C-alpha atoms as a PDB file:
ATOM      1  CA  MET A   1      95.336 133.543  83.669  1.00  0.00           C
ATOM      2  CA  ALA A   2      97.140 134.264  86.915  1.00  0.00           C
ATOM      3  CA  LYS A   3      95.143 137.464  87.403  1.00  0.00           C
ATOM      4  CA  ASN A   4      91.735 135.884  86.781  1.00  0.00           C
ATOM      5  CA  PHE A   5      92.302 132.489  88.398  1.00  0.00           C
ATOM      6  CA  PRO A   6      95.042 132.731  91.049  1.00  0.00           C
ATOM      7  CA  LEU A   7      93.706 129.646  92.885  1.00  0.00           C
ATOM      8  CA  ILE A   8      93.779 127.426  89.779  1.00  0.00           C
ATOM      9  CA  ASP A   9      97.224 128.757  88.844  1.00  0.00           C
ATOM     10  CA  SER A  10      98.638 127.988  92.297  1.00  0.00           C
ATOM     11  CA  VAL A  11      97.048 124.524  92.207  1.00  0.00           C
ATOM     12  CA  ILE A  12      98.662 123.824  88.831  1.00  0.00           C
ATOM     13  CA  ASN A  13     102.042 125.013  90.114  1.00  0.00           C
ATOM     14  CA  GLN A  14     101.638 122.912  93.245  1.00  0.00           C
ATOM     15  CA  ASN A  15     100.818 119.843  91.156  1.00  0.00           C
ATOM     16  CA  TRP A  16     103.860 120.443  88.951  1.00  0.00           C
ATOM     17  CA  SER A  17     106.137 120.754  91.950  1.00  0.00           C
ATOM     18  CA  ASP A  18     104.681 117.569  93.402  1.00  0.00           C
ATOM     19  CA  ILE A  19     105.205 115.765  90.091  1.00  0.00           C
ATOM     20  CA  LEU A  20     108.799 117.004  89.805  1.00  0.00           C
ATOM     21  CA  SER A  21     109.628 116.066  93.407  1.00  0.00           C
ATOM     22  CA  THR A  22     108.063 112.639  92.842  1.00  0.00           C
ATOM     23  CA  MET A  23     110.141 112.103  89.714  1.00  0.00           C
ATOM     24  CA  VAL A  24     113.331 113.183  91.448  1.00  0.00           C
ATOM     25  CA  GLY A  25     112.510 110.881  94.348  1.00  0.00           C
ATOM     26  CA  LEU A  26     111.939 107.995  91.970  1.00  0.00           C
ATOM     27  CA  LEU A  27     115.265 108.699  90.208  1.00  0.00           C
ATOM     28  CA  VAL A  28     116.989 108.752  93.585  1.00  0.00           C
ATOM     29  CA  TYR A  29     115.326 105.603  94.901  1.00  0.00           C
ATOM     30  CA  LEU A  30     115.466 103.609  91.647  1.00  0.00           C
ATOM     31  CA  PRO A  31     118.995 102.222  92.247  1.00  0.00           C
ATOM     32  CA  TYR A  32     118.080 101.137  95.762  1.00  0.00           C
ATOM     33  CA  LEU A  33     114.839  99.674  94.482  1.00  0.00           C
ATOM     34  CA  SER A  34     116.538  97.705  91.715  1.00  0.00           C
ATOM     35  CA  TYR A  35     119.271  96.673  94.144  1.00  0.00           C
ATOM     36  CA  PHE A  36     116.632  95.079  96.404  1.00  0.00           C
ATOM     37  CA  THR A  37     114.180  93.769  93.795  1.00  0.00           C
ATOM     38  CA  LEU A  38     116.723  92.218  91.411  1.00  0.00           C
ATOM     39  CA  PRO A  39     117.872  89.382  93.737  1.00  0.00           C
ATOM     40  CA  VAL A  40     114.240  88.705  94.677  1.00  0.00           C
ATOM     41  CA  TYR A  41     113.286  88.565  90.982  1.00  0.00           C
ATOM     42  CA  GLU A  42     116.254  86.293  90.169  1.00  0.00           C
ATOM     43  CA  SER A  43     115.457  83.908  93.023  1.00  0.00           C
ATOM     44  CA  VAL A  44     111.803  83.741  92.069  1.00  0.00           C
ATOM     45  CA  LYS A  45     112.739  83.044  88.467  1.00  0.00           C
ATOM     46  CA  TYR A  46     115.192  80.357  89.589  1.00  0.00           C
ATOM     47  CA  VAL A  47     112.521  78.668  91.762  1.00  0.00           C
ATOM     48  CA  TYR A  48     110.000  78.949  88.934  1.00  0.00           C
ATOM     49  CA  GLU A  49     112.378  77.345  86.457  1.00  0.00           C
ATOM     50  CA  LEU A  50     113.284  74.680  89.011  1.00  0.00           C
ATOM     51  CA  PHE A  51     109.706  73.587  89.673  1.00  0.00           C
ATOM     52  CA  GLY A  52     108.118  74.712  86.398  1.00  0.00           C
END
């Protein structure tokens, strides 16, 4: 496949590297994201239970 379609092969490899880097970035940023979103979620839930 690489001999017949080098462009498609390189595009597929590029997409896989993008996907892998995105997954690694998500794994790295997930603790920070949960650290910031958890208090917001808890406060919203508290307000919702208070007025709901």
